[in-house]
């Protein structure tokens, strides 16, 4: 059975790169009827936090990346790592190293000065020295010194590395905590992971991990290394490019299905398809269609894609999702017009739920027009025209068609082009220059509130 995993370190939030790795691993397992495992690699005791773990789990849940097993935690498996390290010691595949940090720093400095690549020199590999008193050793792997490691990467193809390029890496630190390269291979082995899908920043770790697995007599998983994500400027993705917590996108009003669709297209494609749902992604996903080149994160493309999902999302769901955003804007949605009708009116005009709520504030409280809008639209000659329109609004049927007809009729009576009347009316009632059809806005706002706002604003017109 195909089994994939996502194994984040809880030293920060779940970001775009990690979420895409999780999505690809999840989609591959689902495509093949396999299982997807979540593992938390929490051995960095100084930087790992419960808050980060919760943020990762929350982000996974919001994206809908359900896992079949887990979350497993490495710190609950320390006995297993010690057991495997002792097996390698017994079989002369590992050894104790007593070199101090100061010794190792001096060694690397000498190597740099000589123009060499800094690396452990194997000083305790076959040493007959008496171990120094009171020093807790690390356990290092005896990496083969000859030959090559070759594996077939399911994204990048055949990769080969010479063993003499690899030094004897630490397996267990002196406190008994495994290093990344040791912990990850034992976890993947014990959890029967068949396919390791991860970022290509791990590609240099893979030959080391393969050598350890071979020393343990263990089967090898298949590897797929996914190219990294860059900012639109070609630089490594950072916060300024949008590499914020996945949950921040929820706070900014994105739909999870829109973000999932966008993440899937970051470095993977199915023909020219841009918009597809979760079921289509599962049906189409394969590793051979992952691009070899780095993907570029484009915030505008994400906004566009989110807009496409907003347009076709059920308005009742959008209304419920929008309520926290209205709360932020101090809008009491229980007191204003029908929220479903507001959503229907605005959802095709905005990119995010946050924008939808911001664009609807004037339905719940009057907004103060800017000085420039007042100067442009609140004129002496318009005051009697708007007063006349206000009087007519008191007697007409209050619906979109009747309101629109009366605005056109009044403009015609005063030999005005429609925008010359409609724009001042819009600014008076909403405080904004850009809204949907003013007739549609007034219908939702209601006759009483419309007349009240017109009365208030007309008092600011010059006499």
Protein backbone atom coordinates (compact mmCIF):
# COMPACT_ATOMS: atom_id res chain seq x y z
CA UNK A 1 0.00 0.00 0.00
CA UNK A 2 1.15 3.53 -0.75
CA UNK A 3 1.76 5.50 2.42
CA UNK A 4 2.93 9.09 2.43
CA UNK A 5 3.57 11.49 5.26
CA UNK A 6 3.90 15.13 6.18
CA UNK A 7 6.44 15.76 8.92
CA UNK A 8 6.66 19.43 9.93
CA UNK A 9 8.82 20.79 12.72
CA UNK A 10 6.75 22.81 15.24
CA UNK A 11 9.22 25.67 15.36
CA UNK A 12 6.87 28.02 13.52
CA UNK A 13 3.60 28.20 11.66
CA UNK A 14 2.47 26.15 8.67
CA UNK A 15 3.57 28.24 5.69
CA UNK A 16 3.00 28.08 1.93
CA UNK A 17 5.92 25.74 1.21
CA UNK A 18 5.01 23.29 3.95
CA UNK A 19 1.34 23.36 3.03
CA UNK A 20 2.14 22.56 -0.60
CA UNK A 21 4.33 19.62 0.45
CA UNK A 22 1.50 18.36 2.66
CA UNK A 23 -0.99 18.80 -0.20
CA UNK A 24 1.14 16.85 -2.70
CA UNK A 25 1.70 14.03 -0.18
CA UNK A 26 -2.00 13.96 0.67
CA UNK A 27 -3.11 14.02 -2.98
CA UNK A 28 -0.72 11.21 -3.95
CA UNK A 29 -2.00 8.98 -1.17
CA UNK A 30 -5.63 9.73 -2.00
CA UNK A 31 -5.05 9.18 -5.73
CA UNK A 32 -3.74 5.67 -5.10
CA UNK A 33 -6.13 4.68 -2.34
CA UNK A 34 -3.27 4.83 0.14
CA UNK A 35 -2.79 6.40 3.56
CA UNK A 36 -1.52 9.78 4.64
CA UNK A 37 0.34 10.10 7.95
CA UNK A 38 1.01 13.22 10.01
CA UNK A 39 4.14 13.32 12.13
CA UNK A 40 5.41 16.20 14.27
CA UNK A 41 9.22 16.35 14.36
CA UNK A 42 9.57 18.05 17.72
CA UNK A 43 13.14 17.18 18.69
CA UNK A 44 14.32 20.80 18.54
CA UNK A 45 13.49 21.32 22.19
CA UNK A 46 14.57 24.96 22.30
CA UNK A 47 12.44 26.11 19.39
CA UNK A 48 9.52 23.65 19.30
CA UNK A 49 6.35 25.02 20.88
CA UNK A 50 2.86 23.79 21.60
CA UNK A 51 1.53 26.94 19.94
CA UNK A 52 3.30 26.04 16.67
CA UNK A 53 1.98 22.49 16.83
CA UNK A 54 -1.56 23.77 17.28
CA UNK A 55 -1.10 26.22 14.39
CA UNK A 56 0.05 23.38 12.12
CA UNK A 57 -2.90 21.17 13.08
CA UNK A 58 -5.30 24.08 12.66
CA UNK A 59 -3.89 24.91 9.22
CA UNK A 60 -4.15 21.29 8.08
CA UNK A 61 -7.76 21.10 9.25
CA UNK A 62 -8.71 24.38 7.53
CA UNK A 63 -7.20 23.20 4.24
CA UNK A 64 -9.07 19.90 4.55
CA UNK A 65 -5.90 17.78 4.51
CA UNK A 66 -7.22 14.93 6.60
CA UNK A 67 -4.73 12.32 7.77
CA UNK A 68 -5.29 8.62 8.38
CA UNK A 69 -2.77 8.28 11.22
CA UNK A 70 -1.17 10.60 13.69
CA UNK A 71 -0.11 13.02 14.72
CA UNK A 72 2.92 11.09 15.92
CA UNK A 73 5.56 12.92 17.99
CA UNK A 74 9.27 12.16 17.83
CA UNK A 75 9.85 13.01 21.48
CA UNK A 76 7.64 10.05 22.37
CA UNK A 77 9.94 7.70 20.43
CA UNK A 78 13.34 8.35 22.05
CA UNK A 79 13.74 4.73 23.18
CA UNK A 80 13.39 3.58 19.57
CA UNK A 81 16.16 5.89 18.38
CA UNK A 82 18.48 4.76 21.16
CA UNK A 83 17.75 1.11 20.35
CA UNK A 84 18.62 1.58 16.66
CA UNK A 85 21.78 3.55 17.48
CA UNK A 86 22.94 0.77 19.81
CA UNK A 87 22.31 -1.78 17.06
CA UNK A 88 24.60 0.18 14.74
CA UNK A 89 27.22 0.43 17.51
CA UNK A 90 27.17 -3.34 18.03
CA UNK A 91 27.58 -3.96 14.32
CA UNK A 92 30.48 -1.47 14.06
CA UNK A 93 28.35 0.78 11.82
CA UNK A 94 28.53 3.63 14.34
CA UNK A 95 30.88 4.91 17.05
CA UNK A 96 31.12 7.24 20.01
CA UNK A 97 32.64 10.64 19.31
CA UNK A 98 33.98 12.69 22.23
CA UNK A 99 35.06 15.77 20.28
CA UNK A 100 34.00 18.98 22.02
CA UNK A 101 32.27 21.88 20.33
CA UNK A 102 35.45 23.92 20.66
CA UNK A 103 37.49 21.18 18.96
CA UNK A 104 35.01 20.90 16.11
CA UNK A 105 34.89 24.69 15.63
CA UNK A 106 38.69 24.84 15.47
CA UNK A 107 38.77 21.91 13.02
CA UNK A 108 36.32 23.60 10.68
CA UNK A 109 38.16 26.92 10.89
CA UNK A 110 41.41 25.20 9.87
CA UNK A 111 39.64 23.52 6.96
CA UNK A 112 38.21 26.82 5.75
CA UNK A 113 41.62 28.46 5.99
CA UNK A 114 43.03 25.65 3.83
CA UNK A 115 40.27 26.15 1.25
CA UNK A 116 38.57 22.89 2.16
CA UNK A 117 34.90 22.13 2.68
CA UNK A 118 34.20 22.13 6.46
CA UNK A 119 33.36 18.61 7.58
CA UNK A 120 33.97 16.21 10.42
CA UNK A 121 37.39 14.59 9.95
CA UNK A 122 36.58 11.22 11.52
CA UNK A 123 39.01 11.67 14.41
CA UNK A 124 37.11 9.25 16.68
CA UNK A 125 36.08 6.83 13.89
CA UNK A 126 38.67 4.16 14.66
CA UNK A 127 40.32 5.85 17.59
CA UNK A 128 42.05 3.83 20.33
CA UNK A 129 42.24 6.86 22.60
CA UNK A 130 40.97 6.68 26.13
CA UNK A 131 37.71 8.65 26.24
CA UNK A 132 38.08 11.91 28.18
CA UNK A 133 36.58 11.78 31.66
CA UNK A 134 33.20 13.38 32.22
CA UNK A 135 32.40 13.92 28.53
CA UNK A 136 29.08 12.67 27.18
CA UNK A 137 29.72 11.46 23.64
CA UNK A 138 27.53 11.71 20.57
CA UNK A 139 27.00 8.67 18.37
CA UNK A 140 28.19 9.06 14.78
CA UNK A 141 27.41 6.91 11.76
CA UNK A 142 30.29 5.20 9.97
CA UNK A 143 29.48 6.39 6.50
CA UNK A 144 31.03 4.24 3.72
CA UNK A 145 34.19 5.91 2.44
CA UNK A 146 34.14 4.42 -1.04
CA UNK A 147 31.59 3.92 -3.77
CA UNK A 148 28.47 5.89 -4.63
CA UNK A 149 24.88 6.32 -3.56
CA UNK A 150 22.41 6.31 -6.43
CA UNK A 151 18.65 6.69 -6.26
CA UNK A 152 15.89 7.42 -8.73
CA UNK A 153 14.09 10.57 -7.70
CA UNK A 154 10.47 10.48 -8.89
CA UNK A 155 10.64 14.17 -9.79
CA UNK A 156 14.28 14.83 -10.69
CA UNK A 157 15.35 11.45 -12.08
CA UNK A 158 18.60 9.62 -11.33
CA UNK A 159 20.79 11.21 -8.66
CA UNK A 160 24.25 9.99 -7.68
CA UNK A 161 26.58 11.14 -4.91
CA UNK A 162 30.04 9.86 -4.02
CA UNK A 163 30.39 8.53 -0.49
CA UNK A 164 33.64 10.41 0.04
CA UNK A 165 31.58 13.60 -0.17
CA UNK A 166 29.67 12.58 2.95
CA UNK A 167 31.12 12.78 6.45
CA UNK A 168 30.21 10.75 9.51
CA UNK A 169 27.04 12.46 10.64
CA UNK A 170 25.76 12.49 14.21
CA UNK A 171 22.93 10.04 14.87
CA UNK A 172 22.26 10.72 18.53
CA UNK A 173 23.32 13.85 20.38
CA UNK A 174 24.88 13.56 23.80
CA UNK A 175 21.46 14.13 25.41
CA UNK A 176 19.96 11.16 23.55
CA UNK A 177 17.98 13.29 21.08
CA UNK A 178 18.24 12.09 17.45
CA UNK A 179 19.39 14.36 14.67
CA UNK A 180 17.01 15.02 11.79
CA UNK A 181 18.65 12.51 9.46
CA UNK A 182 18.45 9.68 11.97
CA UNK A 183 15.01 10.36 13.39
CA UNK A 184 13.37 10.78 10.01
CA UNK A 185 14.56 7.48 8.54
CA UNK A 186 13.51 5.46 11.58
CA UNK A 187 10.12 7.14 11.63
CA UNK A 188 9.59 6.49 7.92
CA UNK A 189 10.73 2.90 8.39
CA UNK A 190 8.53 2.16 11.40
CA UNK A 191 5.52 3.87 9.84
CA UNK A 192 5.92 1.94 6.58
CA UNK A 193 6.19 5.09 4.50
CA UNK A 194 6.46 4.04 0.86
CA UNK A 195 6.90 7.48 -0.74
CA UNK A 196 8.78 10.39 0.80
CA UNK A 197 7.60 13.59 -0.87
CA UNK A 198 9.45 16.65 0.40
CA UNK A 199 11.19 19.87 -0.61
CA UNK A 200 14.37 19.66 -2.65
CA UNK A 201 16.29 21.42 0.13
CA UNK A 202 16.48 17.88 1.57
CA UNK A 203 18.03 16.33 -1.50
CA UNK A 204 21.57 16.33 -0.06
CA UNK A 205 20.28 14.52 3.03
CA UNK A 206 18.87 11.63 1.01
CA UNK A 207 22.17 9.81 0.24
CA UNK A 208 23.07 9.97 3.94
CA UNK A 209 19.69 8.57 4.89
CA UNK A 210 19.94 5.81 2.32
CA UNK A 211 23.31 4.72 3.74
CA UNK A 212 21.87 4.51 7.26
CA UNK A 213 18.86 2.52 6.06
CA UNK A 214 21.15 0.10 4.23
CA UNK A 215 23.28 -0.29 7.38
CA UNK A 216 20.09 -1.20 9.27
CA UNK A 217 19.16 -3.72 6.58
CA UNK A 218 15.95 -1.78 5.96
CA UNK A 219 13.98 -1.32 2.72
CA UNK A 220 14.22 2.05 1.01
CA UNK A 221 11.21 4.26 0.34
CA UNK A 222 10.85 6.03 -2.98
CA UNK A 223 11.83 9.68 -2.96
CA UNK A 224 10.28 12.67 -4.70
CA UNK A 225 11.92 16.05 -4.14
CA UNK A 226 9.74 19.01 -5.00
CA UNK A 227 11.40 22.25 -6.21
CA UNK A 228 11.21 25.19 -3.85
CA UNK A 229 8.85 28.15 -4.13
CA UNK A 230 10.27 31.56 -4.97
CA UNK A 231 8.78 35.02 -4.75
CA UNK A 232 7.67 36.73 -7.95
CA UNK A 233 11.05 38.49 -7.97
CA UNK A 234 12.90 35.17 -8.09
CA UNK A 235 14.16 35.45 -4.52
CA UNK A 236 13.60 32.86 -1.81
CA UNK A 237 10.04 33.07 -0.55
CA UNK A 238 9.70 35.20 2.58
CA UNK A 239 7.02 37.06 4.56
CA UNK A 240 7.18 40.02 2.20
CA UNK A 241 6.14 37.68 -0.65
CA UNK A 242 3.22 36.22 1.26
CA UNK A 243 4.96 33.38 3.10
CA UNK A 244 2.83 33.93 6.18
CA UNK A 245 0.94 31.39 8.25
CA UNK A 246 -1.68 29.46 6.32
CA UNK A 247 -4.20 30.53 8.94
CA UNK A 248 -3.38 34.16 8.08
CA UNK A 249 -4.99 33.56 4.69
CA UNK A 250 -8.14 32.53 6.51
CA UNK A 251 -7.90 35.73 8.58
CA UNK A 252 -7.51 37.69 5.34
CA UNK A 253 -10.69 36.24 3.89
CA UNK A 254 -9.51 33.52 1.52
CA UNK A 255 -11.49 30.34 0.98
CA UNK A 256 -9.62 27.10 1.75
CA UNK A 257 -10.62 25.56 -1.59
CA UNK A 258 -9.21 28.56 -3.44
CA UNK A 259 -5.90 28.30 -1.60
CA UNK A 260 -5.73 24.51 -2.13
CA UNK A 261 -6.32 25.01 -5.86
CA UNK A 262 -3.58 27.64 -5.97
CA UNK A 263 -1.11 25.51 -3.98
CA UNK A 264 -1.70 22.58 -6.33
CA UNK A 265 -0.78 24.78 -9.31
CA UNK A 266 2.44 25.92 -7.64
CA UNK A 267 4.81 23.64 -9.50
CA UNK A 268 2.28 21.08 -10.74
CA UNK A 269 -0.13 21.17 -13.64
CA UNK A 270 -2.68 19.12 -15.53
CA UNK A 271 -2.66 20.45 -19.06
CA UNK A 272 -3.94 24.02 -19.06
CA UNK A 273 -6.46 23.50 -16.26
CA UNK A 274 -6.45 26.42 -13.83
CA UNK A 275 -9.56 25.87 -11.74
CA UNK A 276 -10.36 22.43 -10.37
CA UNK A 277 -11.89 21.01 -7.24
CA UNK A 278 -10.44 18.58 -4.72
CA UNK A 279 -11.84 15.49 -6.44
CA UNK A 280 -10.35 16.53 -9.78
CA UNK A 281 -6.98 17.15 -8.12
CA UNK A 282 -7.01 13.64 -6.65
CA UNK A 283 -8.00 12.10 -9.98
CA UNK A 284 -5.32 13.96 -11.95
CA UNK A 285 -2.41 14.18 -9.51
CA UNK A 286 0.83 12.42 -10.36
CA UNK A 287 4.45 13.07 -9.50
CA UNK A 288 5.67 13.08 -13.10
CA UNK A 289 3.78 16.33 -13.75
CA UNK A 290 5.64 18.23 -11.04
CA UNK A 291 7.86 20.86 -12.64
CA UNK A 292 11.62 20.60 -12.25
CA UNK A 293 12.07 24.36 -11.96
CA UNK A 294 11.15 26.37 -8.86
CA UNK A 295 7.60 27.70 -8.71
CA UNK A 296 6.89 31.41 -8.28
CA UNK A 297 4.36 32.63 -5.76
CA UNK A 298 2.05 35.20 -7.32
CA UNK A 299 -0.31 36.93 -4.83
CA UNK A 300 -2.37 38.44 -7.64
CA UNK A 301 -2.97 35.03 -9.19
CA UNK A 302 -4.08 33.75 -5.78
CA UNK A 303 -6.50 36.66 -5.41
CA UNK A 304 -7.91 36.03 -8.88
CA UNK A 305 -8.39 32.34 -8.15
CA UNK A 306 -10.04 33.09 -4.82
CA UNK A 307 -12.41 35.44 -6.61
CA UNK A 308 -13.50 32.62 -8.93
CA UNK A 309 -14.38 30.50 -5.91
CA UNK A 310 -16.20 33.36 -4.19
CA UNK A 311 -18.43 33.81 -7.23
CA UNK A 312 -19.64 30.22 -7.18
CA UNK A 313 -19.77 29.70 -3.41
CA UNK A 314 -23.20 29.43 -1.80
CA UNK A 315 -24.16 32.86 -0.44
CA UNK A 316 -25.40 31.43 2.84
CA UNK A 317 -21.97 29.95 3.53
CA UNK A 318 -20.26 33.22 2.54
CA UNK A 319 -22.57 35.18 4.81
CA UNK A 320 -21.63 32.97 7.76
CA UNK A 321 -17.92 33.25 6.95
CA UNK A 322 -18.24 37.02 6.61
CA UNK A 323 -19.75 37.67 10.06
CA UNK A 324 -16.37 37.81 11.89
CA UNK A 325 -15.19 40.36 9.32
CA UNK A 326 -18.32 42.46 9.85
CA UNK A 327 -17.65 42.26 13.59
CA UNK A 328 -14.16 43.65 12.97
CA UNK A 329 -15.78 46.54 11.11
CA UNK A 330 -18.16 47.15 14.04
CA UNK A 331 -21.19 46.21 11.95
CA UNK A 332 -24.19 44.61 13.66
CA UNK A 333 -25.48 42.31 10.92
CA UNK A 334 -28.63 41.57 12.90
CA UNK A 335 -29.77 45.18 12.50
CA UNK A 336 -29.13 45.89 8.83
CA UNK A 337 -30.45 44.64 5.50
CA UNK A 338 -30.69 40.95 4.63
CA UNK A 339 -27.10 39.68 4.73
CA UNK A 340 -27.75 37.05 2.05
CA UNK A 341 -28.91 39.76 -0.35
CA UNK A 342 -25.85 41.87 0.42
CA UNK A 343 -23.58 38.91 -0.30
CA UNK A 344 -25.38 38.19 -3.56
CA UNK A 345 -24.96 41.82 -4.59
CA UNK A 346 -21.25 42.07 -3.76
CA UNK A 347 -19.61 38.67 -4.11
CA UNK A 348 -18.76 39.02 -7.79
CA UNK A 349 -17.07 42.37 -7.17
CA UNK A 350 -14.53 41.34 -4.52
CA UNK A 351 -11.50 39.05 -4.23
CA UNK A 352 -11.78 38.05 -0.56
CA UNK A 353 -14.39 37.74 2.19
CA UNK A 354 -12.64 40.56 4.01
CA UNK A 355 -13.14 42.80 0.97
CA UNK A 356 -16.79 41.77 0.83
CA UNK A 357 -17.36 42.85 4.44
CA UNK A 358 -15.42 46.09 3.95
CA UNK A 359 -17.45 46.87 0.82
CA UNK A 360 -20.70 46.40 2.73
CA UNK A 361 -20.06 48.63 5.75
CA UNK A 362 -22.29 51.42 4.44
CA UNK A 363 -25.30 49.09 4.63
CA UNK A 364 -24.92 49.03 8.42
CA UNK A 365 -23.79 52.56 9.19
CA UNK A 366 -23.38 55.78 7.23
CA UNK A 367 -19.86 56.50 6.04
CA UNK A 368 -18.45 59.99 5.96
CA UNK A 369 -17.58 60.99 2.38
CA UNK A 370 -14.10 62.36 1.82
CA UNK A 371 -13.64 66.11 1.43
CA UNK A 372 -12.81 65.67 -2.25
CA UNK A 373 -16.02 63.69 -2.90
CA UNK A 374 -18.08 66.34 -1.14
CA UNK A 375 -16.43 69.12 -3.12
CA UNK A 376 -17.00 67.23 -6.37
CA UNK A 377 -20.62 66.14 -5.86
CA UNK A 378 -22.32 68.36 -3.24
CA UNK A 379 -23.13 71.43 -5.32
CA UNK A 380 -25.70 74.23 -5.05
CA UNK A 381 -27.37 73.44 -8.39
CA UNK A 382 -27.87 69.77 -7.43
CA UNK A 383 -29.58 70.45 -4.12
CA UNK A 384 -33.11 71.13 -5.51
CA UNK A 385 -32.82 68.17 -7.87
CA UNK A 386 -31.92 65.82 -5.02
CA UNK A 387 -34.66 67.31 -2.84
CA UNK A 388 -37.13 66.60 -5.62
CA UNK A 389 -35.85 63.04 -5.96
CA UNK A 390 -36.13 62.54 -2.20
CA UNK A 391 -39.78 63.62 -2.30
CA UNK A 392 -40.51 61.16 -5.11
CA UNK A 393 -38.80 58.38 -3.16
CA UNK A 394 -41.43 58.79 -0.44
CA UNK A 395 -44.27 57.56 -2.69
CA UNK A 396 -42.84 55.09 -5.25
CA UNK A 397 -42.84 51.32 -4.86
CA UNK A 398 -39.56 50.45 -3.16
CA UNK A 399 -37.86 48.07 -5.56
CA UNK A 400 -34.85 48.16 -7.84
CA UNK A 401 -36.82 48.83 -11.01
CA UNK A 402 -38.95 51.65 -9.59
CA UNK A 403 -35.97 53.33 -7.92
CA UNK A 404 -33.90 53.15 -11.10
CA UNK A 405 -36.79 54.48 -13.19
CA UNK A 406 -37.31 57.44 -10.86
CA UNK A 407 -33.62 58.38 -10.90
CA UNK A 408 -33.60 58.30 -14.71
CA UNK A 409 -36.87 60.24 -14.89
CA UNK A 410 -35.63 62.95 -12.53
CA UNK A 411 -32.36 63.31 -14.42
CA UNK A 412 -34.33 63.67 -17.66
CA UNK A 413 -36.64 66.28 -16.20
CA UNK A 414 -33.63 68.42 -15.30
CA UNK A 415 -31.83 67.71 -18.59
CA UNK A 416 -28.97 65.98 -16.77
CA UNK A 417 -26.95 62.94 -17.78
CA UNK A 418 -27.72 60.07 -15.47
CA UNK A 419 -24.25 59.90 -13.77
CA UNK A 420 -24.54 63.59 -12.90
CA UNK A 421 -27.40 62.67 -10.55
CA UNK A 422 -26.56 59.08 -9.65
CA UNK A 423 -23.03 59.82 -8.41
CA UNK A 424 -24.00 62.53 -5.89
CA UNK A 425 -26.84 60.28 -4.71
CA UNK A 426 -24.39 57.41 -4.24
CA UNK A 427 -21.96 59.56 -2.26
CA UNK A 428 -24.77 60.99 -0.12
CA UNK A 429 -26.17 57.64 0.87
CA UNK A 430 -23.08 55.39 1.00
CA UNK A 431 -20.14 57.76 1.43
CA UNK A 432 -18.42 55.90 -1.41
CA UNK A 433 -17.83 56.62 -5.09
CA UNK A 434 -17.77 52.94 -6.12
CA UNK A 435 -20.71 50.65 -5.36
CA UNK A 436 -22.94 48.25 -7.28
CA UNK A 437 -25.98 49.76 -9.03
CA UNK A 438 -27.23 52.57 -6.81
CA UNK A 439 -30.81 51.40 -7.31
CA UNK A 440 -29.88 47.93 -6.03
CA UNK A 441 -28.08 49.47 -3.07
CA UNK A 442 -31.02 51.68 -2.14
CA UNK A 443 -33.47 48.80 -2.44
CA UNK A 444 -31.48 46.83 0.11
CA UNK A 445 -30.87 49.82 2.34
CA UNK A 446 -34.61 50.48 2.55
CA UNK A 447 -36.74 53.55 2.03
CA UNK A 448 -36.59 54.85 5.61
CA UNK A 449 -32.81 54.66 5.92
CA UNK A 450 -32.29 56.09 2.42
CA UNK A 451 -34.47 59.14 3.12
CA UNK A 452 -32.85 59.63 6.50
CA UNK A 453 -29.37 59.70 4.98
CA UNK A 454 -30.42 61.97 2.12
CA UNK A 455 -31.93 64.44 4.59
CA UNK A 456 -28.76 64.44 6.67
CA UNK A 457 -26.44 64.97 3.71
CA UNK A 458 -28.56 67.64 2.04
CA UNK A 459 -27.96 69.80 5.08
CA UNK A 460 -24.28 69.93 4.10
CA UNK A 461 -24.97 71.22 0.60
CA UNK A 462 -24.23 74.91 -0.02
CA UNK A 463 -27.25 77.25 0.09
